[in-house]
Structures are given as structure tokens and as C-alpha cells.
Amino acid sequence: MSLINKKVENFNVNAYHNGEFKEVTQESLKGKWSVFFFYPADFTFVCPTELGELADTYNKFKELNIEVYSISTDTHYAHKAWADASDTIAKIKFPMLADPTGKLSKQFQVYLEDDGVALRGTFIINPEGEIKVYEIHDLGIGRSASELLRKVQAAQFVAAHGDQVCPASWKPGEETLKPGLDLIGKI
């Protein structure tokens, strides 16, 4: 069953954010676009490359009123230890959510029961708490922060302009499509 348009269920997790431990809940998502960025584990190999790229792009997300939340099944203590040990992770300014029970990973259907970790799942959530875009990768396949940003921009455009859609590889400022009889068979 698809998760598109599904509302995020109630949750309450600890997070490591800007040198402090904080609590993040479903209420934290209201009123802004959010990205949930699940990854398997701290102190690994592909994960820091993804999180580092996301950290480098984070200001572009913030300019669009988007909060990024990285999530693994590690504790918030492990997130802090990783930030203390790695220059790449130390530059992260977005909340790093702790999901040691796997409850949040299970809600988003990315939890690997036998391994106790999450697949690489990316979810774009609108200000009403509904999932609008998601993609799930196997453990060894890294993601692109710039492509994620493009997808969020497309989701925001479609939400603001309900009569238009974004074609393949659309970027802000490029032409969109207005579905109608006159386009059928013409593209």
C-alpha cells in the first residue's frame, strides 16, 4: 500500500541538534515542509557521504521553509558521539533523530527487522503532515541532496499551483504543464 498522502502518525523521539538533546514530535512538523531522511547507522560508510552532502545543502532547504530530519536506529547519544568524532557529521545543523526501538522506521515502512536498522528512505512531508514524495533505497545505494531539493521544490510548486504539473527533471523557473485535452498525444 502506498504511503502517498498518508498522514504522519503521532511520534515522540529524542534528537541531537546543535549540540543539545531535544524532543521531536509529530507536532514539530506542522506548518512547514519536512524531509525525513532515514539511514542505516552512525559510524558507517555511505551514511556520512549522504549526511555531509545534505549538511552542505541545508541552507537551501531552510530558505524554502523546509526542515530536514535525519533518522537512524541509533540513540541520540550515539549521534552526539559521531558528531564529536567526525568533521563531516559535526557540520550538520539539522536535527538527528534517534529511533533505537525502530518505531518511527516501522511507521515509514523502512525498518529491517533482522538487522535492526532502517533502509535509506527519503520522505517529503507537506505542512499538513502528509507524505507527498518518498523513495527507498537498499543499504548500499547513496542518495543525492541536490535531487532531493529539486523534488521538494517540485512538490511545493504543485501544492501552490494545483492546475499545473512538473515534467521530468523540472527545476524552478522552467516550464510546467497544464493537463488538458489539448496535450494528449502532443508530448
Protein backbone atom coordinates (compact mmCIF):
# COMPACT_ATOMS: atom_id res chain seq x y z
CA MET A 1 0.00 0.00 0.00
CA SER A 2 1.35 3.41 -0.96
CA LEU A 3 2.32 5.96 1.68
CA ILE A 4 1.49 8.90 -0.62
CA ASN A 5 -0.94 11.31 1.13
CA LYS A 6 -0.73 9.29 4.35
CA LYS A 7 -0.64 11.48 7.45
CA VAL A 8 2.36 11.07 9.71
CA GLU A 9 1.20 9.33 12.88
CA ASN A 10 2.00 10.57 16.36
CA PHE A 11 5.56 10.01 17.45
CA ASN A 12 7.93 11.25 20.13
CA VAL A 13 11.69 10.80 19.77
CA ASN A 14 14.89 12.23 21.16
CA ALA A 15 17.21 14.15 18.87
CA TYR A 16 20.69 15.58 18.84
CA HIS A 17 20.53 19.11 17.43
CA ASN A 18 23.07 21.93 17.55
CA GLY A 19 24.95 20.47 20.49
CA GLU A 20 21.84 19.74 22.57
CA PHE A 21 19.39 16.92 23.18
CA LYS A 22 15.83 17.79 22.21
CA GLU A 23 12.48 16.13 21.76
CA VAL A 24 10.83 15.99 18.33
CA THR A 25 7.19 15.04 17.85
CA GLN A 26 4.66 14.90 15.05
CA GLU A 27 3.60 18.39 16.16
CA SER A 28 7.09 19.66 15.26
CA LEU A 29 6.25 19.14 11.57
CA LYS A 30 3.16 21.34 11.41
CA GLY A 31 3.22 24.49 9.34
CA LYS A 32 6.33 23.73 7.27
CA TRP A 33 7.62 21.26 4.75
CA SER A 34 9.75 18.48 6.22
CA VAL A 35 12.18 15.90 4.91
CA PHE A 36 12.64 12.64 6.80
CA PHE A 37 15.99 11.16 5.79
CA PHE A 38 16.35 7.62 7.17
CA TYR A 39 19.78 5.99 7.08
CA PRO A 40 21.06 2.66 8.46
CA ALA A 41 23.56 3.59 11.16
CA ASP A 42 26.06 6.04 12.59
CA PHE A 43 29.79 5.34 12.15
CA THR A 44 29.31 3.69 8.76
CA PHE A 45 30.43 4.32 5.18
CA VAL A 46 27.77 5.61 2.76
CA CYS A 47 25.80 7.40 5.51
CA PRO A 48 28.37 10.15 6.22
CA THR A 49 28.67 10.91 2.49
CA GLU A 50 24.91 11.44 2.27
CA LEU A 51 24.62 13.38 5.52
CA GLY A 52 27.63 15.54 4.64
CA GLU A 53 26.13 16.45 1.28
CA LEU A 54 22.81 17.18 2.95
CA ALA A 55 24.58 19.39 5.51
CA ASP A 56 26.25 21.30 2.66
CA THR A 57 22.82 21.88 1.04
CA TYR A 58 20.89 22.54 4.27
CA ASN A 59 20.73 26.34 3.90
CA LYS A 60 18.95 25.95 0.56
CA PHE A 61 16.32 23.80 2.27
CA LYS A 62 15.92 26.33 5.11
CA GLU A 63 15.41 29.17 2.58
CA LEU A 64 12.35 27.26 1.35
CA ASN A 65 10.95 26.75 4.89
CA ILE A 66 11.92 23.08 4.89
CA GLU A 67 13.24 21.28 7.95
CA VAL A 68 15.40 18.23 7.42
CA TYR A 69 15.40 15.41 9.97
CA SER A 70 17.95 12.63 9.65
CA ILE A 71 16.90 9.40 11.37
CA SER A 72 18.65 6.18 12.29
CA THR A 73 18.07 3.46 14.84
CA ASP A 74 21.00 4.77 16.88
CA THR A 75 20.46 6.70 20.12
CA HIS A 76 20.79 10.46 20.42
CA TYR A 77 23.93 9.75 22.48
CA ALA A 78 25.46 7.90 19.52
CA HIS A 79 24.56 10.85 17.24
CA LYS A 80 26.47 13.19 19.58
CA ALA A 81 29.45 10.84 19.75
CA TRP A 82 29.52 10.62 15.95
CA ALA A 83 29.39 14.43 15.62
CA ASP A 84 32.23 14.68 18.14
CA ALA A 85 34.32 12.13 16.22
CA SER A 86 33.68 13.19 12.62
CA ASP A 87 34.26 16.57 10.97
CA THR A 88 31.69 15.63 8.31
CA ILE A 89 28.96 14.95 10.88
CA ALA A 90 29.99 17.89 13.08
CA LYS A 91 28.85 20.31 10.33
CA ILE A 92 25.24 19.03 10.48
CA LYS A 93 22.79 21.74 11.60
CA PHE A 94 19.56 19.76 11.19
CA PRO A 95 18.06 17.55 13.93
CA MET A 96 19.39 13.99 14.07
CA LEU A 97 16.51 11.84 15.35
CA ALA A 98 17.08 8.74 17.45
CA ASP A 99 14.92 5.70 16.74
CA PRO A 100 16.51 2.88 18.79
CA THR A 101 13.20 0.99 19.08
CA GLY A 102 12.58 1.21 15.32
CA LYS A 103 9.08 2.55 15.93
CA LEU A 104 9.46 5.53 13.58
CA SER A 105 11.26 3.41 10.97
CA LYS A 106 8.40 0.91 11.09
CA GLN A 107 5.80 3.68 10.69
CA PHE A 108 7.56 4.72 7.45
CA GLN A 109 8.00 1.07 6.37
CA VAL A 110 11.82 1.20 6.13
CA TYR A 111 12.73 -0.97 9.13
CA LEU A 112 14.79 -4.12 8.51
CA GLU A 113 13.63 -6.40 11.31
CA ASP A 114 16.52 -8.88 11.10
CA ASP A 115 19.19 -6.17 11.12
CA GLY A 116 17.59 -3.62 13.44
CA VAL A 117 18.36 -0.76 11.01
CA ALA A 118 16.48 1.38 8.52
CA LEU A 119 16.79 1.29 4.77
CA ARG A 120 17.73 4.56 3.06
CA GLY A 121 14.27 6.12 2.98
CA THR A 122 13.55 9.71 1.98
CA PHE A 123 10.14 11.25 2.67
CA ILE A 124 8.88 14.72 1.76
CA ILE A 125 6.06 15.81 4.06
CA ASN A 126 3.83 18.83 3.46
CA PRO A 127 2.86 21.37 6.16
CA GLU A 128 -0.33 19.39 6.84
CA GLY A 129 1.73 16.33 7.79
CA GLU A 130 1.03 14.30 4.63
CA ILE A 131 3.67 12.34 2.74
CA LYS A 132 3.91 13.73 -0.79
CA VAL A 133 7.07 12.05 -2.09
CA TYR A 134 9.07 9.07 -0.96
CA GLU A 135 11.78 6.82 -2.23
CA ILE A 136 13.52 3.90 -0.61
CA HIS A 137 16.99 2.63 -1.47
CA ASP A 138 18.82 -0.52 -0.50
CA LEU A 139 21.61 -0.11 2.05
CA GLY A 140 24.50 0.31 -0.41
CA ILE A 141 22.92 2.97 -2.66
CA GLY A 142 23.53 6.60 -1.67
CA ARG A 143 21.19 9.50 -2.44
CA SER A 144 21.66 12.97 -3.91
CA ALA A 145 20.88 16.09 -1.83
CA SER A 146 20.50 18.24 -4.95
CA GLU A 147 17.93 15.84 -6.44
CA LEU A 148 16.10 15.79 -3.11
CA LEU A 149 15.98 19.59 -3.12
CA ARG A 150 14.62 19.56 -6.69
CA LYS A 151 11.89 17.12 -5.68
CA VAL A 152 10.87 19.29 -2.70
CA GLN A 153 10.74 22.35 -4.98
CA ALA A 154 8.51 20.43 -7.41
CA ALA A 155 6.23 19.27 -4.58
CA GLN A 156 5.96 22.84 -3.30
CA PHE A 157 5.20 24.13 -6.81
CA VAL A 158 2.45 21.56 -7.39
CA ALA A 159 0.95 22.35 -3.97
CA ALA A 160 0.86 26.06 -4.81
CA HIS A 161 -0.32 25.61 -8.44
CA GLY A 162 -2.79 22.73 -8.38
CA ASP A 163 -3.65 23.12 -12.06
CA GLN A 164 -0.05 22.53 -13.19
CA VAL A 165 2.37 19.62 -13.03
CA CYS A 166 6.15 19.38 -13.27
CA PRO A 167 7.68 17.38 -16.12
CA ALA A 168 10.78 15.20 -15.84
CA SER A 169 13.83 16.91 -14.32
CA TRP A 170 11.85 20.16 -13.83
CA LYS A 171 13.62 22.93 -11.95
CA PRO A 172 12.19 26.20 -10.62
CA GLY A 173 11.71 28.74 -13.40
CA GLU A 174 11.28 26.13 -16.10
CA GLU A 175 8.04 25.45 -17.94
CA THR A 176 5.40 23.32 -16.32
CA LEU A 177 2.47 21.53 -17.90
CA LYS A 178 -1.23 22.23 -17.56
CA PRO A 179 -3.02 18.91 -18.07
CA GLY A 180 -5.87 19.03 -20.56
CA LEU A 181 -7.28 17.54 -23.73
CA ASP A 182 -5.03 19.70 -25.89
CA LEU A 183 -1.90 17.98 -24.52
CA ILE A 184 -3.00 14.39 -25.06
CA GLY A 185 -0.69 12.81 -27.63
CA LYS A 186 1.23 16.06 -28.16
CA ILE A 187 4.08 15.50 -25.70
